Amino acid sequence: MRFLKVILFLFLALAVTACGPKSKFLRYNGPEVTSVQVHKAARKMYLLHNGKVLESFDVALGFAPEGHKQFEGDGKTPEGTYYITHRNPNSAFHLSLGISYPNVRDVEFAKAAGKPPGGDIFIHGGPRRPVARRDWTEGCIAVTNEEMEVIYSMVKPGTVIHVLP
């Protein structure tokens, strides 16, 4: 009888956990993402393996997307070559991947103008509340939460990201 209770308990525990919420952490076992490209004018992001597109996504950018980010608060998304610095599983925007902006050149330019360059640039999921504008971030690159789960599973820290006009 005790054996049956243990089996029944294990079965119920398994059934309850199987009905729980879907995990935001997906597994990816495909080709390594060797670089990321963002084409700002087209509002597209591509995950690449040695130049071959593995996945593509529509993106939202900073609220003033044209041109290279120069200063904190300008609403622009940086242009240039950077790298993914880290993964943030506790992002205010579902999940996020840090981008290495500002680089030395960005800092020197802003310093010469007497302004801060800004920072905290990420690829991230959507906002908690719907937004009316196409480009709504402070300078980040945004996708849907579902797309961010895929990107988060595929892109590792250290991956190069090219942000093009």
N, C-alpha and C. Protein backbone atom coordinates (compact mmCIF):
# COMPACT_ATOMS: atom_id res chain seq x y z
N MET A 1 0.82 -1.20 0.00
CA MET A 1 0.00 0.00 0.00
C MET A 1 0.87 1.27 0.00
N ARG A 2 1.90 1.24 0.78
CA ARG A 2 2.80 2.39 0.85
C ARG A 2 3.45 2.64 -0.52
N PHE A 3 3.82 1.58 -1.19
CA PHE A 3 4.41 1.67 -2.53
C PHE A 3 3.45 2.36 -3.51
N LEU A 4 2.18 1.98 -3.43
CA LEU A 4 1.17 2.60 -4.31
C LEU A 4 1.01 4.09 -4.02
N LYS A 5 1.07 4.48 -2.75
CA LYS A 5 0.98 5.89 -2.39
C LYS A 5 2.16 6.68 -2.96
N VAL A 6 3.34 6.11 -2.88
CA VAL A 6 4.53 6.77 -3.41
C VAL A 6 4.41 6.93 -4.92
N ILE A 7 3.98 5.89 -5.61
CA ILE A 7 3.81 5.94 -7.07
C ILE A 7 2.74 6.98 -7.43
N LEU A 8 1.63 6.98 -6.71
CA LEU A 8 0.56 7.93 -6.96
C LEU A 8 1.05 9.36 -6.74
N PHE A 9 1.80 9.58 -5.65
CA PHE A 9 2.35 10.91 -5.36
C PHE A 9 3.28 11.37 -6.47
N LEU A 10 4.18 10.50 -6.92
CA LEU A 10 5.10 10.86 -8.00
C LEU A 10 4.35 11.17 -9.30
N PHE A 11 3.34 10.39 -9.60
CA PHE A 11 2.54 10.63 -10.80
C PHE A 11 1.85 11.99 -10.74
N LEU A 12 1.25 12.31 -9.59
CA LEU A 12 0.57 13.59 -9.42
C LEU A 12 1.56 14.75 -9.48
N ALA A 13 2.71 14.59 -8.89
CA ALA A 13 3.72 15.64 -8.93
C ALA A 13 4.17 15.90 -10.36
N LEU A 14 4.36 14.85 -11.12
CA LEU A 14 4.74 14.98 -12.52
C LEU A 14 3.64 15.66 -13.32
N ALA A 15 2.41 15.28 -13.09
CA ALA A 15 1.28 15.87 -13.80
C ALA A 15 1.16 17.36 -13.49
N VAL A 16 1.34 17.75 -12.25
CA VAL A 16 1.23 19.16 -11.87
C VAL A 16 2.34 19.97 -12.51
N THR A 17 3.57 19.48 -12.50
CA THR A 17 4.67 20.24 -13.10
C THR A 17 4.56 20.30 -14.61
N ALA A 18 3.99 19.30 -15.22
CA ALA A 18 3.81 19.32 -16.68
C ALA A 18 2.78 20.35 -17.10
N CYS A 19 1.88 20.72 -16.21
CA CYS A 19 0.84 21.69 -16.53
C CYS A 19 1.28 23.11 -16.20
N GLY A 20 2.47 23.29 -15.69
CA GLY A 20 2.95 24.60 -15.29
C GLY A 20 3.25 25.49 -16.49
N PRO A 21 3.65 26.73 -16.22
CA PRO A 21 3.93 27.67 -17.29
C PRO A 21 5.14 27.23 -18.13
N LYS A 22 5.11 27.62 -19.40
CA LYS A 22 6.20 27.30 -20.31
C LYS A 22 7.45 28.06 -19.88
N SER A 23 8.59 27.42 -19.91
CA SER A 23 9.84 28.07 -19.56
C SER A 23 10.26 29.04 -20.65
N LYS A 24 10.82 30.18 -20.25
CA LYS A 24 11.33 31.13 -21.23
C LYS A 24 12.73 30.78 -21.70
N PHE A 25 13.30 29.72 -21.14
CA PHE A 25 14.64 29.30 -21.51
C PHE A 25 14.57 28.11 -22.46
N LEU A 26 14.77 28.40 -23.74
CA LEU A 26 14.73 27.37 -24.77
C LEU A 26 16.12 26.76 -24.95
N ARG A 27 16.14 25.57 -25.54
CA ARG A 27 17.42 24.92 -25.87
C ARG A 27 17.67 25.09 -27.36
N TYR A 28 18.94 25.28 -27.71
CA TYR A 28 19.32 25.40 -29.11
C TYR A 28 20.52 24.50 -29.35
N ASN A 29 20.41 23.63 -30.33
CA ASN A 29 21.49 22.69 -30.64
C ASN A 29 21.94 22.79 -32.09
N GLY A 30 21.64 23.91 -32.76
CA GLY A 30 22.00 24.07 -34.16
C GLY A 30 23.38 24.68 -34.32
N PRO A 31 23.67 25.15 -35.53
CA PRO A 31 24.97 25.78 -35.80
C PRO A 31 25.20 27.00 -34.90
N GLU A 32 26.42 27.24 -34.53
CA GLU A 32 26.77 28.37 -33.68
C GLU A 32 26.47 29.69 -34.40
N VAL A 33 25.90 30.64 -33.67
CA VAL A 33 25.72 31.98 -34.20
C VAL A 33 27.09 32.66 -34.08
N THR A 34 27.72 32.95 -35.24
CA THR A 34 29.05 33.56 -35.24
C THR A 34 28.98 35.08 -35.30
N SER A 35 27.85 35.63 -35.74
CA SER A 35 27.68 37.08 -35.71
C SER A 35 26.20 37.44 -35.81
N VAL A 36 25.91 38.66 -35.42
CA VAL A 36 24.57 39.22 -35.50
C VAL A 36 24.69 40.48 -36.34
N GLN A 37 23.74 40.68 -37.25
CA GLN A 37 23.69 41.92 -38.03
C GLN A 37 22.34 42.57 -37.82
N VAL A 38 22.36 43.88 -37.60
CA VAL A 38 21.14 44.66 -37.50
C VAL A 38 21.19 45.71 -38.61
N HIS A 39 20.17 45.73 -39.44
CA HIS A 39 20.03 46.72 -40.51
C HIS A 39 18.93 47.68 -40.06
N LYS A 40 19.38 48.83 -39.55
CA LYS A 40 18.43 49.77 -38.94
C LYS A 40 17.37 50.26 -39.91
N ALA A 41 17.75 50.65 -41.12
CA ALA A 41 16.79 51.20 -42.07
C ALA A 41 15.70 50.19 -42.42
N ALA A 42 16.09 48.91 -42.51
CA ALA A 42 15.13 47.85 -42.83
C ALA A 42 14.41 47.32 -41.60
N ARG A 43 14.88 47.72 -40.39
CA ARG A 43 14.33 47.21 -39.13
C ARG A 43 14.40 45.68 -39.09
N LYS A 44 15.58 45.14 -39.44
CA LYS A 44 15.78 43.69 -39.48
C LYS A 44 17.03 43.33 -38.69
N MET A 45 16.97 42.17 -38.04
CA MET A 45 18.13 41.58 -37.36
C MET A 45 18.31 40.17 -37.90
N TYR A 46 19.58 39.82 -38.17
CA TYR A 46 19.92 38.51 -38.70
C TYR A 46 20.91 37.83 -37.78
N LEU A 47 20.65 36.56 -37.46
CA LEU A 47 21.61 35.73 -36.74
C LEU A 47 22.31 34.89 -37.78
N LEU A 48 23.65 34.97 -37.82
CA LEU A 48 24.42 34.36 -38.88
C LEU A 48 25.39 33.30 -38.37
N HIS A 49 25.63 32.31 -39.19
CA HIS A 49 26.69 31.32 -38.97
C HIS A 49 27.60 31.40 -40.19
N ASN A 50 28.80 31.97 -39.98
CA ASN A 50 29.77 32.14 -41.07
C ASN A 50 29.14 32.77 -42.31
N GLY A 51 28.35 33.82 -42.10
CA GLY A 51 27.75 34.55 -43.20
C GLY A 51 26.41 34.02 -43.69
N LYS A 52 26.01 32.85 -43.24
CA LYS A 52 24.72 32.27 -43.66
C LYS A 52 23.65 32.62 -42.62
N VAL A 53 22.50 33.12 -43.11
CA VAL A 53 21.41 33.51 -42.20
C VAL A 53 20.76 32.28 -41.59
N LEU A 54 20.76 32.23 -40.26
CA LEU A 54 20.06 31.17 -39.53
C LEU A 54 18.64 31.59 -39.18
N GLU A 55 18.49 32.84 -38.76
CA GLU A 55 17.18 33.38 -38.36
C GLU A 55 17.16 34.87 -38.68
N SER A 56 15.97 35.39 -38.92
CA SER A 56 15.82 36.84 -39.09
C SER A 56 14.60 37.31 -38.30
N PHE A 57 14.66 38.56 -37.85
CA PHE A 57 13.61 39.11 -37.00
C PHE A 57 13.36 40.58 -37.36
N ASP A 58 12.11 41.01 -37.26
CA ASP A 58 11.79 42.43 -37.34
C ASP A 58 12.13 43.05 -36.00
N VAL A 59 12.64 44.28 -36.00
CA VAL A 59 13.06 44.92 -34.75
C VAL A 59 12.46 46.31 -34.61
N ALA A 60 12.37 46.76 -33.38
CA ALA A 60 12.08 48.15 -33.04
C ALA A 60 13.39 48.73 -32.52
N LEU A 61 13.58 50.03 -32.73
CA LEU A 61 14.83 50.69 -32.34
C LEU A 61 14.54 51.83 -31.38
N GLY A 62 15.57 52.66 -31.15
CA GLY A 62 15.40 53.85 -30.33
C GLY A 62 14.38 54.79 -30.94
N PHE A 63 13.80 55.66 -30.12
CA PHE A 63 12.71 56.53 -30.58
C PHE A 63 13.15 57.58 -31.60
N ALA A 64 14.46 57.77 -31.78
CA ALA A 64 15.01 58.67 -32.82
C ALA A 64 16.09 57.86 -33.55
N PRO A 65 15.70 56.89 -34.34
CA PRO A 65 16.62 55.85 -34.80
C PRO A 65 17.66 56.26 -35.84
N GLU A 66 17.45 57.32 -36.57
CA GLU A 66 18.38 57.66 -37.64
C GLU A 66 19.67 58.24 -37.08
N GLY A 67 20.79 57.74 -37.59
CA GLY A 67 22.11 58.20 -37.16
C GLY A 67 22.65 57.36 -36.01
N HIS A 68 23.93 57.58 -35.74
CA HIS A 68 24.64 56.83 -34.69
C HIS A 68 24.40 57.46 -33.32
N LYS A 69 24.23 56.62 -32.33
CA LYS A 69 24.08 57.10 -30.95
C LYS A 69 25.35 57.86 -30.57
N GLN A 70 25.16 59.07 -30.03
CA GLN A 70 26.31 59.87 -29.64
C GLN A 70 26.30 60.22 -28.16
N PHE A 71 25.10 60.45 -27.63
CA PHE A 71 25.01 60.92 -26.25
C PHE A 71 23.87 60.24 -25.51
N GLU A 72 23.98 60.22 -24.22
CA GLU A 72 22.92 59.69 -23.37
C GLU A 72 21.63 60.47 -23.63
N GLY A 73 20.52 59.72 -23.80
CA GLY A 73 19.22 60.34 -23.97
C GLY A 73 18.87 60.78 -25.38
N ASP A 74 19.74 60.51 -26.37
CA ASP A 74 19.44 60.97 -27.73
C ASP A 74 18.45 60.06 -28.47
N GLY A 75 18.09 58.92 -27.87
CA GLY A 75 17.09 58.04 -28.47
C GLY A 75 17.57 57.27 -29.69
N LYS A 76 18.87 57.29 -29.94
CA LYS A 76 19.40 56.61 -31.11
C LYS A 76 19.95 55.23 -30.75
N THR A 77 19.91 54.32 -31.71
CA THR A 77 20.51 53.01 -31.56
C THR A 77 21.92 53.10 -32.13
N PRO A 78 22.95 52.64 -31.40
CA PRO A 78 24.32 52.77 -31.89
C PRO A 78 24.52 52.08 -33.25
N GLU A 79 25.48 52.59 -34.02
CA GLU A 79 25.90 51.97 -35.27
C GLU A 79 27.37 51.63 -35.13
N GLY A 80 27.74 50.47 -35.62
CA GLY A 80 29.14 50.06 -35.56
C GLY A 80 29.25 48.60 -35.18
N THR A 81 30.46 48.21 -34.83
CA THR A 81 30.75 46.83 -34.45
C THR A 81 30.95 46.77 -32.95
N TYR A 82 30.19 45.92 -32.32
CA TYR A 82 30.24 45.71 -30.88
C TYR A 82 30.24 44.21 -30.62
N TYR A 83 30.04 43.79 -29.39
CA TYR A 83 29.90 42.37 -29.07
C TYR A 83 28.87 42.21 -27.95
N ILE A 84 28.35 41.00 -27.84
CA ILE A 84 27.39 40.69 -26.78
C ILE A 84 28.18 40.50 -25.50
N THR A 85 27.84 41.26 -24.48
CA THR A 85 28.59 41.22 -23.23
C THR A 85 28.08 40.18 -22.24
N HIS A 86 26.76 40.04 -22.16
CA HIS A 86 26.20 39.13 -21.15
C HIS A 86 24.72 38.86 -21.43
N ARG A 87 24.21 37.87 -20.75
CA ARG A 87 22.78 37.54 -20.78
C ARG A 87 22.14 38.02 -19.49
N ASN A 88 20.94 38.57 -19.61
CA ASN A 88 20.21 39.01 -18.43
C ASN A 88 18.87 38.29 -18.37
N PRO A 89 18.77 37.24 -17.54
CA PRO A 89 17.51 36.51 -17.44
C PRO A 89 16.44 37.24 -16.63
N ASN A 90 16.83 38.32 -15.95
CA ASN A 90 15.89 39.06 -15.10
C ASN A 90 15.60 40.44 -15.65
N SER A 91 15.65 40.59 -16.94
CA SER A 91 15.43 41.88 -17.59
C SER A 91 14.01 42.40 -17.34
N ALA A 92 13.88 43.71 -17.29
CA ALA A 92 12.56 44.33 -17.22
C ALA A 92 11.80 44.11 -18.52
N PHE A 93 12.51 43.66 -19.56
CA PHE A 93 11.91 43.42 -20.87
C PHE A 93 12.03 41.95 -21.24
N HIS A 94 11.56 41.09 -20.36
CA HIS A 94 11.49 39.63 -20.53
C HIS A 94 12.87 38.99 -20.40
N LEU A 95 13.69 39.05 -21.43
CA LEU A 95 15.07 38.58 -21.43
C LEU A 95 15.88 39.62 -22.20
N SER A 96 17.19 39.67 -21.97
CA SER A 96 17.99 40.61 -22.75
C SER A 96 19.43 40.15 -22.88
N LEU A 97 20.08 40.69 -23.92
CA LEU A 97 21.49 40.46 -24.20
C LEU A 97 22.18 41.82 -24.24
N GLY A 98 23.21 41.99 -23.40
CA GLY A 98 23.93 43.26 -23.36
C GLY A 98 24.79 43.47 -24.59
N ILE A 99 24.88 44.72 -25.03
CA ILE A 99 25.73 45.12 -26.16
C ILE A 99 26.83 46.03 -25.61
N SER A 100 28.05 45.89 -26.13
CA SER A 100 29.22 46.56 -25.57
C SER A 100 29.33 48.06 -25.86
N TYR A 101 28.23 48.72 -26.19
CA TYR A 101 28.24 50.18 -26.33
C TYR A 101 28.33 50.80 -24.94
N PRO A 102 29.14 51.82 -24.72
CA PRO A 102 29.99 52.52 -25.66
C PRO A 102 31.38 51.89 -25.75
N ASN A 103 31.97 51.97 -26.95
CA ASN A 103 33.36 51.54 -27.10
C ASN A 103 34.26 52.76 -26.88
N VAL A 104 35.57 52.59 -27.03
CA VAL A 104 36.52 53.68 -26.76
C VAL A 104 36.23 54.89 -27.64
N ARG A 105 35.96 54.65 -28.92
CA ARG A 105 35.68 55.76 -29.84
C ARG A 105 34.42 56.52 -29.42
N ASP A 106 33.39 55.79 -29.01
CA ASP A 106 32.14 56.42 -28.57
C ASP A 106 32.38 57.30 -27.34
N VAL A 107 33.16 56.79 -26.39
CA VAL A 107 33.46 57.53 -25.16
C VAL A 107 34.25 58.79 -25.48
N GLU A 108 35.27 58.67 -26.34
CA GLU A 108 36.10 59.83 -26.69
C GLU A 108 35.28 60.91 -27.39
N PHE A 109 34.39 60.51 -28.30
CA PHE A 109 33.55 61.48 -29.01
C PHE A 109 32.67 62.24 -28.03
N ALA A 110 32.00 61.52 -27.16
CA ALA A 110 31.11 62.16 -26.19
C ALA A 110 31.89 63.05 -25.23
N LYS A 111 33.04 62.58 -24.79
CA LYS A 111 33.86 63.35 -23.85
C LYS A 111 34.30 64.68 -24.49
N ALA A 112 34.69 64.62 -25.77
CA ALA A 112 35.10 65.83 -26.47
C ALA A 112 33.96 66.84 -26.56
N ALA A 113 32.73 66.35 -26.60
CA ALA A 113 31.56 67.23 -26.65
C ALA A 113 31.08 67.62 -25.26
N GLY A 114 31.71 67.06 -24.23
CA GLY A 114 31.33 67.39 -22.87
C GLY A 114 30.04 66.74 -22.41
N LYS A 115 29.69 65.62 -23.04
CA LYS A 115 28.46 64.94 -22.70
C LYS A 115 28.73 63.47 -22.40
N PRO A 116 27.84 62.82 -21.62
CA PRO A 116 27.99 61.37 -21.40
C PRO A 116 27.53 60.59 -22.63
N PRO A 117 28.20 59.46 -22.93
CA PRO A 117 27.85 58.69 -24.12
C PRO A 117 26.59 57.84 -23.97
N GLY A 118 26.14 57.65 -22.74
CA GLY A 118 25.02 56.73 -22.51
C GLY A 118 25.54 55.31 -22.38
N GLY A 119 24.64 54.39 -22.30
CA GLY A 119 25.02 52.98 -22.13
C GLY A 119 23.77 52.15 -21.93
N ASP A 120 23.95 50.99 -21.34
CA ASP A 120 22.83 50.07 -21.10
C ASP A 120 22.06 49.79 -22.39
N ILE A 121 22.78 49.46 -23.45
CA ILE A 121 22.15 49.12 -24.72
C ILE A 121 22.02 47.60 -24.78
N PHE A 122 20.83 47.11 -25.12
CA PHE A 122 20.53 45.68 -25.11
C PHE A 122 19.71 45.28 -26.34
N ILE A 123 19.73 44.00 -26.63
CA ILE A 123 18.70 43.36 -27.44
C ILE A 123 17.74 42.81 -26.40
N HIS A 124 16.46 43.13 -26.53
CA HIS A 124 15.53 42.67 -25.49
C HIS A 124 14.13 42.43 -26.04
N GLY A 125 13.30 41.87 -25.18
CA GLY A 125 11.90 41.60 -25.52
C GLY A 125 11.06 42.84 -25.43
N GLY A 126 9.76 42.64 -25.47
CA GLY A 126 8.82 43.75 -25.53
C GLY A 126 8.55 44.41 -24.20
N PRO A 127 7.85 45.53 -24.24
CA PRO A 127 7.50 46.24 -23.01
C PRO A 127 6.37 45.52 -22.28
N ARG A 128 6.19 45.89 -21.03
CA ARG A 128 5.10 45.30 -20.23
C ARG A 128 3.75 45.78 -20.72
N ARG A 129 3.70 46.99 -21.24
CA ARG A 129 2.46 47.56 -21.78
C ARG A 129 2.64 47.83 -23.27
N PRO A 130 1.58 47.70 -24.04
CA PRO A 130 1.69 47.97 -25.49
C PRO A 130 2.12 49.41 -25.75
N VAL A 131 2.88 49.59 -26.83
CA VAL A 131 3.31 50.93 -27.22
C VAL A 131 2.73 51.26 -28.59
N ALA A 132 2.47 52.54 -28.81
CA ALA A 132 1.84 52.96 -30.07
C ALA A 132 2.87 53.20 -31.17
N ARG A 133 4.12 53.51 -30.78
CA ARG A 133 5.14 53.83 -31.77
C ARG A 133 5.85 52.59 -32.27
N ARG A 134 6.31 52.65 -33.51
CA ARG A 134 7.11 51.57 -34.09
C ARG A 134 8.45 51.47 -33.38
N ASP A 135 9.13 52.60 -33.21
CA ASP A 135 10.42 52.64 -32.53
C ASP A 135 10.20 53.30 -31.18
N TRP A 136 10.39 52.53 -30.12
CA TRP A 136 9.97 52.99 -28.80
C TRP A 136 11.04 52.89 -27.73
N THR A 137 12.19 52.27 -28.02
CA THR A 137 13.18 52.07 -26.97
C THR A 137 14.00 53.34 -26.74
N GLU A 138 14.85 53.31 -25.74
CA GLU A 138 15.76 54.43 -25.47
C GLU A 138 17.03 54.35 -26.32
N GLY A 139 17.11 53.32 -27.16
CA GLY A 139 18.30 53.11 -28.00
C GLY A 139 18.60 51.63 -28.18
N CYS A 140 17.82 50.80 -27.52
CA CYS A 140 18.00 49.35 -27.61
C CYS A 140 17.39 48.78 -28.89
N ILE A 141 17.57 47.49 -29.07
CA ILE A 141 17.00 46.74 -30.18
C ILE A 141 15.97 45.80 -29.57
N ALA A 142 14.70 45.95 -29.97
CA ALA A 142 13.63 45.18 -29.34
C ALA A 142 12.95 44.25 -30.34
N VAL A 143 12.56 43.08 -29.83
CA VAL A 143 11.80 42.08 -30.58
C VAL A 143 10.65 41.62 -29.68
N THR A 144 9.82 40.71 -30.15
CA THR A 144 8.76 40.18 -29.29
C THR A 144 9.39 39.28 -28.22
N ASN A 145 8.65 39.02 -27.17
CA ASN A 145 9.15 38.14 -26.12
C ASN A 145 9.43 36.74 -26.64
N GLU A 146 8.56 36.24 -27.50
CA GLU A 146 8.75 34.89 -28.06
C GLU A 146 10.02 34.85 -28.90
N GLU A 147 10.25 35.88 -29.71
CA GLU A 147 11.47 35.95 -30.52
C GLU A 147 12.70 36.08 -29.63
N MET A 148 12.57 36.83 -28.55
CA MET A 148 13.71 37.02 -27.64
C MET A 148 14.12 35.70 -27.00
N GLU A 149 13.17 34.82 -26.74
CA GLU A 149 13.50 33.51 -26.20
C GLU A 149 14.37 32.72 -27.19
N VAL A 150 14.05 32.81 -28.46
CA VAL A 150 14.84 32.13 -29.49
C VAL A 150 16.23 32.75 -29.57
N ILE A 151 16.30 34.07 -29.64
CA ILE A 151 17.58 34.77 -29.74
C ILE A 151 18.45 34.48 -28.52
N TYR A 152 17.85 34.53 -27.35
CA TYR A 152 18.56 34.28 -26.08
C TYR A 152 19.17 32.88 -26.08
N SER A 153 18.45 31.92 -26.65
CA SER A 153 18.95 30.55 -26.68
C SER A 153 20.08 30.36 -27.69
N MET A 154 20.12 31.19 -28.72
CA MET A 154 21.07 31.01 -29.81
C MET A 154 22.35 31.83 -29.68
N VAL A 155 22.27 33.02 -29.12
CA VAL A 155 23.39 33.97 -29.11
C VAL A 155 24.12 33.93 -27.77
N LYS A 156 25.43 33.72 -27.85
CA LYS A 156 26.24 33.63 -26.63
C LYS A 156 27.02 34.92 -26.40
N PRO A 157 27.37 35.20 -25.14
CA PRO A 157 28.26 36.33 -24.87
C PRO A 157 29.55 36.17 -25.68
N GLY A 158 30.06 37.29 -26.17
CA GLY A 158 31.25 37.29 -27.00
C GLY A 158 30.95 37.34 -28.49
N THR A 159 29.69 37.08 -28.87
CA THR A 159 29.31 37.11 -30.27
C THR A 159 29.38 38.55 -30.79
N VAL A 160 29.95 38.73 -31.98
CA VAL A 160 30.06 40.04 -32.61
C VAL A 160 28.70 40.48 -33.13
N ILE A 161 28.40 41.78 -32.97
CA ILE A 161 27.17 42.35 -33.52
C ILE A 161 27.55 43.57 -34.35
N HIS A 162 27.10 43.58 -35.60
CA HIS A 162 27.31 44.71 -36.51
C HIS A 162 25.97 45.43 -36.65
N VAL A 163 25.93 46.68 -36.23
CA VAL A 163 24.71 47.48 -36.36
C VAL A 163 24.96 48.46 -37.51
N LEU A 164 24.20 48.28 -38.57
CA LEU A 164 24.38 49.05 -39.80
C LEU A 164 23.26 50.07 -39.96
N PRO A 165 23.56 51.19 -40.64
CA PRO A 165 22.51 52.22 -40.84
C PRO A 165 21.27 51.67 -41.50
